[in-house]
Amino acid sequence: MPDEVKEQRIECPNCGHNIRVALDASEGDQDYYDECPACCMEMHLNLHVDEYNQKIQLAVGSDNEQIF
């Protein structure tokens, strides 16, 4: 997989604001938090690099979601 930075548009899970994030797959799988510039709430970003299929998978969530 090429070690290039890709840009992806995501939606904040808290307020729905559209945000562009840079995805750098050169470090492999990543799990990190970023702050939404609109509502200032944290977003949980989980980046998975699928080497076999040459794809980057991004899951976006918030930690204030409750599971029953």
PDB file of N, CA and C in Angstrom:
ATOM      1  N   MET A   1       0.844  -1.178   0.000  1.00  0.00           N
ATOM      2  CA  MET A   1       0.000   0.000   0.000  1.00  0.00           C
ATOM      3  C   MET A   1       0.886   1.237   0.000  1.00  0.00           C
ATOM      4  N   PRO A   2       0.605   2.187  -0.837  1.00  0.00           N
ATOM      5  CA  PRO A   2       1.417   3.397  -0.875  1.00  0.00           C
ATOM      6  C   PRO A   2       1.336   4.151   0.444  1.00  0.00           C
ATOM      7  N   ASP A   3       2.463   4.676   0.869  1.00  0.00           N
ATOM      8  CA  ASP A   3       2.522   5.430   2.123  1.00  0.00           C
ATOM      9  C   ASP A   3       2.218   6.895   1.844  1.00  0.00           C
ATOM     10  N   GLU A   4       0.976   7.173   1.515  1.00  0.00           N
ATOM     11  CA  GLU A   4       0.587   8.542   1.245  1.00  0.00           C
ATOM     12  C   GLU A   4      -0.530   8.946   2.184  1.00  0.00           C
ATOM     13  N   VAL A   5      -0.651  10.248   2.383  1.00  0.00           N
ATOM     14  CA  VAL A   5      -1.694  10.774   3.235  1.00  0.00           C
ATOM     15  C   VAL A   5      -2.932  11.015   2.371  1.00  0.00           C
ATOM     16  N   LYS A   6      -4.056  10.485   2.822  1.00  0.00           N
ATOM     17  CA  LYS A   6      -5.320  10.668   2.115  1.00  0.00           C
ATOM     18  C   LYS A   6      -6.235  11.526   2.963  1.00  0.00           C
ATOM     19  N   GLU A   7      -7.095  12.277   2.316  1.00  0.00           N
ATOM     20  CA  GLU A   7      -8.051  13.107   3.032  1.00  0.00           C
ATOM     21  C   GLU A   7      -9.432  12.489   2.908  1.00  0.00           C
ATOM     22  N   GLN A   8     -10.159  12.453   4.016  1.00  0.00           N
ATOM     23  CA  GLN A   8     -11.489  11.846   4.049  1.00  0.00           C
ATOM     24  C   GLN A   8     -12.446  12.796   4.748  1.00  0.00           C
ATOM     25  N   ARG A   9     -13.648  12.908   4.211  1.00  0.00           N
ATOM     26  CA  ARG A   9     -14.690  13.708   4.864  1.00  0.00           C
ATOM     27  C   ARG A   9     -15.478  12.788   5.786  1.00  0.00           C
ATOM     28  N   ILE A  10     -15.625  13.215   7.043  1.00  0.00           N
ATOM     29  CA  ILE A  10     -16.394  12.449   8.025  1.00  0.00           C
ATOM     30  C   ILE A  10     -17.450  13.353   8.650  1.00  0.00           C
ATOM     31  N   GLU A  11     -18.365  12.745   9.367  1.00  0.00           N
ATOM     32  CA  GLU A  11     -19.399  13.483  10.083  1.00  0.00           C
ATOM     33  C   GLU A  11     -19.171  13.295  11.579  1.00  0.00           C
ATOM     34  N   CYS A  12     -19.196  14.395  12.317  1.00  0.00           N
ATOM     35  CA  CYS A  12     -19.024  14.320  13.768  1.00  0.00           C
ATOM     36  C   CYS A  12     -20.175  13.499  14.350  1.00  0.00           C
ATOM     37  N   PRO A  13     -19.882  12.481  15.166  1.00  0.00           N
ATOM     38  CA  PRO A  13     -20.942  11.653  15.747  1.00  0.00           C
ATOM     39  C   PRO A  13     -21.752  12.392  16.812  1.00  0.00           C
ATOM     40  N   ASN A  14     -21.248  13.535  17.268  1.00  0.00           N
ATOM     41  CA  ASN A  14     -21.932  14.295  18.311  1.00  0.00           C
ATOM     42  C   ASN A  14     -22.881  15.345  17.746  1.00  0.00           C
ATOM     43  N   CYS A  15     -22.413  16.134  16.750  1.00  0.00           N
ATOM     44  CA  CYS A  15     -23.229  17.249  16.260  1.00  0.00           C
ATOM     45  C   CYS A  15     -23.576  17.154  14.778  1.00  0.00           C
ATOM     46  N   GLY A  16     -22.960  16.218  14.038  1.00  0.00           N
ATOM     47  CA  GLY A  16     -23.267  16.048  12.625  1.00  0.00           C
ATOM     48  C   GLY A  16     -22.493  16.955  11.686  1.00  0.00           C
ATOM     49  N   HIS A  17     -21.579  17.760  12.214  1.00  0.00           N
ATOM     50  CA  HIS A  17     -20.777  18.673  11.390  1.00  0.00           C
ATOM     51  C   HIS A  17     -19.843  17.874  10.478  1.00  0.00           C
ATOM     52  N   ASN A  18     -19.727  18.275   9.209  1.00  0.00           N
ATOM     53  CA  ASN A  18     -18.805  17.622   8.269  1.00  0.00           C
ATOM     54  C   ASN A  18     -17.399  18.149   8.480  1.00  0.00           C
ATOM     55  N   ILE A  19     -16.457  17.230   8.567  1.00  0.00           N
ATOM     56  CA  ILE A  19     -15.058  17.554   8.855  1.00  0.00           C
ATOM     57  C   ILE A  19     -14.175  16.790   7.883  1.00  0.00           C
ATOM     58  N   ARG A  20     -13.082  17.384   7.479  1.00  0.00           N
ATOM     59  CA  ARG A  20     -12.079  16.685   6.676  1.00  0.00           C
ATOM     60  C   ARG A  20     -10.929  16.287   7.592  1.00  0.00           C
ATOM     61  N   VAL A  21     -10.560  15.011   7.527  1.00  0.00           N
ATOM     62  CA  VAL A  21      -9.437  14.514   8.327  1.00  0.00           C
ATOM     63  C   VAL A  21      -8.398  13.907   7.396  1.00  0.00           C
ATOM     64  N   ALA A  22      -7.147  14.026   7.781  1.00  0.00           N
ATOM     65  CA  ALA A  22      -6.050  13.430   7.028  1.00  0.00           C
ATOM     66  C   ALA A  22      -5.783  12.037   7.581  1.00  0.00           C
ATOM     67  N   LEU A  23      -5.720  11.050   6.688  1.00  0.00           N
ATOM     68  CA  LEU A  23      -5.471   9.664   7.080  1.00  0.00           C
ATOM     69  C   LEU A  23      -4.079   9.272   6.610  1.00  0.00           C
ATOM     70  N   ASP A  24      -3.205   8.971   7.556  1.00  0.00           N
ATOM     71  CA  ASP A  24      -1.832   8.569   7.254  1.00  0.00           C
ATOM     72  C   ASP A  24      -1.693   7.087   7.589  1.00  0.00           C
ATOM     73  N   ALA A  25      -1.659   6.256   6.564  1.00  0.00           N
ATOM     74  CA  ALA A  25      -1.599   4.809   6.758  1.00  0.00           C
ATOM     75  C   ALA A  25      -0.175   4.291   6.920  1.00  0.00           C
ATOM     76  N   SER A  26       0.813   5.161   6.892  1.00  0.00           N
ATOM     77  CA  SER A  26       2.206   4.713   6.969  1.00  0.00           C
ATOM     78  C   SER A  26       2.560   4.107   8.324  1.00  0.00           C
ATOM     79  N   GLU A  27       1.790   4.424   9.367  1.00  0.00           N
ATOM     80  CA  GLU A  27       2.056   3.889  10.705  1.00  0.00           C
ATOM     81  C   GLU A  27       1.212   2.654  11.009  1.00  0.00           C
ATOM     82  N   GLY A  28       0.455   2.166  10.044  1.00  0.00           N
ATOM     83  CA  GLY A  28      -0.376   0.987  10.269  1.00  0.00           C
ATOM     84  C   GLY A  28      -1.657   1.343  10.996  1.00  0.00           C
ATOM     85  N   ASP A  29      -2.232   0.372  11.708  1.00  0.00           N
ATOM     86  CA  ASP A  29      -3.476   0.584  12.437  1.00  0.00           C
ATOM     87  C   ASP A  29      -3.280   1.643  13.515  1.00  0.00           C
ATOM     88  N   GLN A  30      -4.299   2.490  13.681  1.00  0.00           N
ATOM     89  CA  GLN A  30      -4.220   3.572  14.665  1.00  0.00           C
ATOM     90  C   GLN A  30      -5.551   3.702  15.385  1.00  0.00           C
ATOM     91  N   ASP A  31      -5.489   4.106  16.629  1.00  0.00           N
ATOM     92  CA  ASP A  31      -6.661   4.331  17.461  1.00  0.00           C
ATOM     93  C   ASP A  31      -6.404   5.626  18.220  1.00  0.00           C
ATOM     94  N   TYR A  32      -7.163   6.683  17.906  1.00  0.00           N
ATOM     95  CA  TYR A  32      -6.881   7.971  18.524  1.00  0.00           C
ATOM     96  C   TYR A  32      -8.145   8.806  18.654  1.00  0.00           C
ATOM     97  N   TYR A  33      -8.019   9.919  19.369  1.00  0.00           N
ATOM     98  CA  TYR A  33      -9.119  10.846  19.584  1.00  0.00           C
ATOM     99  C   TYR A  33      -8.777  12.173  18.922  1.00  0.00           C
ATOM    100  N   ASP A  34      -9.816  12.833  18.389  1.00  0.00           N
ATOM    101  CA  ASP A  34      -9.669  14.154  17.818  1.00  0.00           C
ATOM    102  C   ASP A  34     -10.871  14.970  18.265  1.00  0.00           C
ATOM    103  N   GLU A  35     -10.719  16.282  18.276  1.00  0.00           N
ATOM    104  CA  GLU A  35     -11.792  17.155  18.736  1.00  0.00           C
ATOM    105  C   GLU A  35     -12.502  17.788  17.548  1.00  0.00           C
ATOM    106  N   CYS A  36     -13.809  17.804  17.589  1.00  0.00           N
ATOM    107  CA  CYS A  36     -14.612  18.431  16.538  1.00  0.00           C
ATOM    108  C   CYS A  36     -14.449  19.951  16.655  1.00  0.00           C
ATOM    109  N   PRO A  37     -14.127  20.631  15.553  1.00  0.00           N
ATOM    110  CA  PRO A  37     -13.964  22.092  15.629  1.00  0.00           C
ATOM    111  C   PRO A  37     -15.288  22.833  15.833  1.00  0.00           C
ATOM    112  N   ALA A  38     -16.416  22.191  15.571  1.00  0.00           N
ATOM    113  CA  ALA A  38     -17.716  22.853  15.714  1.00  0.00           C
ATOM    114  C   ALA A  38     -18.260  22.752  17.140  1.00  0.00           C
ATOM    115  N   CYS A  39     -18.269  21.538  17.717  1.00  0.00           N
ATOM    116  CA  CYS A  39     -18.883  21.356  19.040  1.00  0.00           C
ATOM    117  C   CYS A  39     -17.860  21.114  20.153  1.00  0.00           C
ATOM    118  N   CYS A  40     -16.593  20.960  19.796  1.00  0.00           N
ATOM    119  CA  CYS A  40     -15.490  20.757  20.755  1.00  0.00           C
ATOM    120  C   CYS A  40     -15.601  19.457  21.547  1.00  0.00           C
ATOM    121  N   MET A  41     -16.407  18.508  21.057  1.00  0.00           N
ATOM    122  CA  MET A  41     -16.508  17.203  21.701  1.00  0.00           C
ATOM    123  C   MET A  41     -15.497  16.255  21.060  1.00  0.00           C
ATOM    124  N   GLU A  42     -15.061  15.270  21.831  1.00  0.00           N
ATOM    125  CA  GLU A  42     -14.093  14.316  21.311  1.00  0.00           C
ATOM    126  C   GLU A  42     -14.753  13.282  20.412  1.00  0.00           C
ATOM    127  N   MET A  43     -14.031  12.915  19.351  1.00  0.00           N
ATOM    128  CA  MET A  43     -14.448  11.847  18.448  1.00  0.00           C
ATOM    129  C   MET A  43     -13.407  10.742  18.540  1.00  0.00           C
ATOM    130  N   HIS A  44     -13.863   9.512  18.566  1.00  0.00           N
ATOM    131  CA  HIS A  44     -12.966   8.363  18.609  1.00  0.00           C
ATOM    132  C   HIS A  44     -12.775   7.870  17.174  1.00  0.00           C
ATOM    133  N   LEU A  45     -11.543   7.884  16.694  1.00  0.00           N
ATOM    134  CA  LEU A  45     -11.223   7.457  15.332  1.00  0.00           C
ATOM    135  C   LEU A  45     -10.393   6.183  15.393  1.00  0.00           C
ATOM    136  N   ASN A  46     -10.843   5.169  14.665  1.00  0.00           N
ATOM    137  CA  ASN A  46     -10.130   3.900  14.610  1.00  0.00           C
ATOM    138  C   ASN A  46      -9.799   3.618  13.148  1.00  0.00           C
ATOM    139  N   LEU A  47      -8.516   3.649  12.835  1.00  0.00           N
ATOM    140  CA  LEU A  47      -8.028   3.456  11.471  1.00  0.00           C
ATOM    141  C   LEU A  47      -7.444   2.060  11.335  1.00  0.00           C
ATOM    142  N   HIS A  48      -7.926   1.318  10.346  1.00  0.00           N
ATOM    143  CA  HIS A  48      -7.415  -0.026  10.085  1.00  0.00           C
ATOM    144  C   HIS A  48      -6.894  -0.080   8.658  1.00  0.00           C
ATOM    145  N   VAL A  49      -5.671  -0.559   8.508  1.00  0.00           N
ATOM    146  CA  VAL A  49      -5.055  -0.692   7.190  1.00  0.00           C
ATOM    147  C   VAL A  49      -5.176  -2.141   6.748  1.00  0.00           C
ATOM    148  N   ASP A  50      -5.919  -2.363   5.667  1.00  0.00           N
ATOM    149  CA  ASP A  50      -6.108  -3.692   5.107  1.00  0.00           C
ATOM    150  C   ASP A  50      -5.095  -3.865   3.975  1.00  0.00           C
ATOM    151  N   GLU A  51      -3.956  -4.460   4.302  1.00  0.00           N
ATOM    152  CA  GLU A  51      -2.869  -4.627   3.320  1.00  0.00           C
ATOM    153  C   GLU A  51      -3.262  -5.562   2.186  1.00  0.00           C
ATOM    154  N   TYR A  52      -4.038  -6.588   2.495  1.00  0.00           N
ATOM    155  CA  TYR A  52      -4.400  -7.580   1.492  1.00  0.00           C
ATOM    156  C   TYR A  52      -5.264  -6.968   0.378  1.00  0.00           C
ATOM    157  N   ASN A  53      -6.277  -6.187   0.780  1.00  0.00           N
ATOM    158  CA  ASN A  53      -7.185  -5.572  -0.196  1.00  0.00           C
ATOM    159  C   ASN A  53      -6.772  -4.160  -0.593  1.00  0.00           C
ATOM    160  N   GLN A  54      -5.655  -3.668  -0.039  1.00  0.00           N
ATOM    161  CA  GLN A  54      -5.151  -2.335  -0.347  1.00  0.00           C
ATOM    162  C   GLN A  54      -6.187  -1.253  -0.038  1.00  0.00           C
ATOM    163  N   LYS A  55      -6.785  -1.336   1.173  1.00  0.00           N
ATOM    164  CA  LYS A  55      -7.807  -0.374   1.575  1.00  0.00           C
ATOM    165  C   LYS A  55      -7.527   0.149   2.972  1.00  0.00           C
ATOM    166  N   ILE A  56      -8.068   1.329   3.223  1.00  0.00           N
ATOM    167  CA  ILE A  56      -8.028   1.931   4.550  1.00  0.00           C
ATOM    168  C   ILE A  56      -9.457   1.983   5.064  1.00  0.00           C
ATOM    169  N   GLN A  57      -9.683   1.479   6.275  1.00  0.00           N
ATOM    170  CA  GLN A  57     -11.007   1.494   6.876  1.00  0.00           C
ATOM    171  C   GLN A  57     -10.976   2.429   8.076  1.00  0.00           C
ATOM    172  N   LEU A  58     -11.961   3.317   8.170  1.00  0.00           N
ATOM    173  CA  LEU A  58     -12.029   4.275   9.263  1.00  0.00           C
ATOM    174  C   LEU A  58     -13.380   4.160   9.956  1.00  0.00           C
ATOM    175  N   ALA A  59     -13.341   3.959  11.268  1.00  0.00           N
ATOM    176  CA  ALA A  59     -14.554   3.941  12.084  1.00  0.00           C
ATOM    177  C   ALA A  59     -14.532   5.172  12.980  1.00  0.00           C
ATOM    178  N   VAL A  60     -15.640   5.911  13.005  1.00  0.00           N
ATOM    179  CA  VAL A  60     -15.737   7.135  13.796  1.00  0.00           C
ATOM    180  C   VAL A  60     -16.870   6.972  14.782  1.00  0.00           C
ATOM    181  N   GLY A  61     -16.594   7.284  16.037  1.00  0.00           N
ATOM    182  CA  GLY A  61     -17.620   7.179  17.064  1.00  0.00           C
ATOM    183  C   GLY A  61     -17.357   8.164  18.177  1.00  0.00           C
ATOM    184  N   SER A  62     -18.244   8.176  19.146  1.00  0.00           N
ATOM    185  CA  SER A  62     -18.056   9.013  20.324  1.00  0.00           C
ATOM    186  C   SER A  62     -18.130   8.104  21.549  1.00  0.00           C
ATOM    187  N   ASP A  63     -17.434   8.487  22.586  1.00  0.00           N
ATOM    188  CA  ASP A  63     -17.414   7.649  23.781  1.00  0.00           C
ATOM    189  C   ASP A  63     -18.613   7.887  24.692  1.00  0.00           C
ATOM    190  N   ASN A  64     -19.488   8.829  24.322  1.00  0.00           N
ATOM    191  CA  ASN A  64     -20.660   9.062  25.159  1.00  0.00           C
ATOM    192  C   ASN A  64     -21.856   8.235  24.698  1.00  0.00           C
ATOM    193  N   GLU A  65     -21.644   7.327  23.742  1.00  0.00           N
ATOM    194  CA  GLU A  65     -22.705   6.437  23.299  1.00  0.00           C
ATOM    195  C   GLU A  65     -22.905   5.344  24.358  1.00  0.00           C
ATOM    196  N   GLN A  66     -24.155   5.059  24.652  1.00  0.00           N
ATOM    197  CA  GLN A  66     -24.455   4.049  25.645  1.00  0.00           C
ATOM    198  C   GLN A  66     -24.971   2.799  24.969  1.00  0.00           C
ATOM    199  N   ILE A  67     -24.517   1.655  25.433  1.00  0.00           N
ATOM    200  CA  ILE A  67     -24.968   0.380  24.906  1.00  0.00           C
ATOM    201  C   ILE A  67     -25.751  -0.326  25.998  1.00  0.00           C
ATOM    202  N   PHE A  68     -26.963  -0.736  25.682  1.00  0.00           N
ATOM    203  CA  PHE A  68     -27.826  -1.411  26.671  1.00  0.00           C
ATOM    204  C   PHE A  68     -27.918  -2.874  26.358  1.00  0.00           C
TER     205      PHE A  68
END
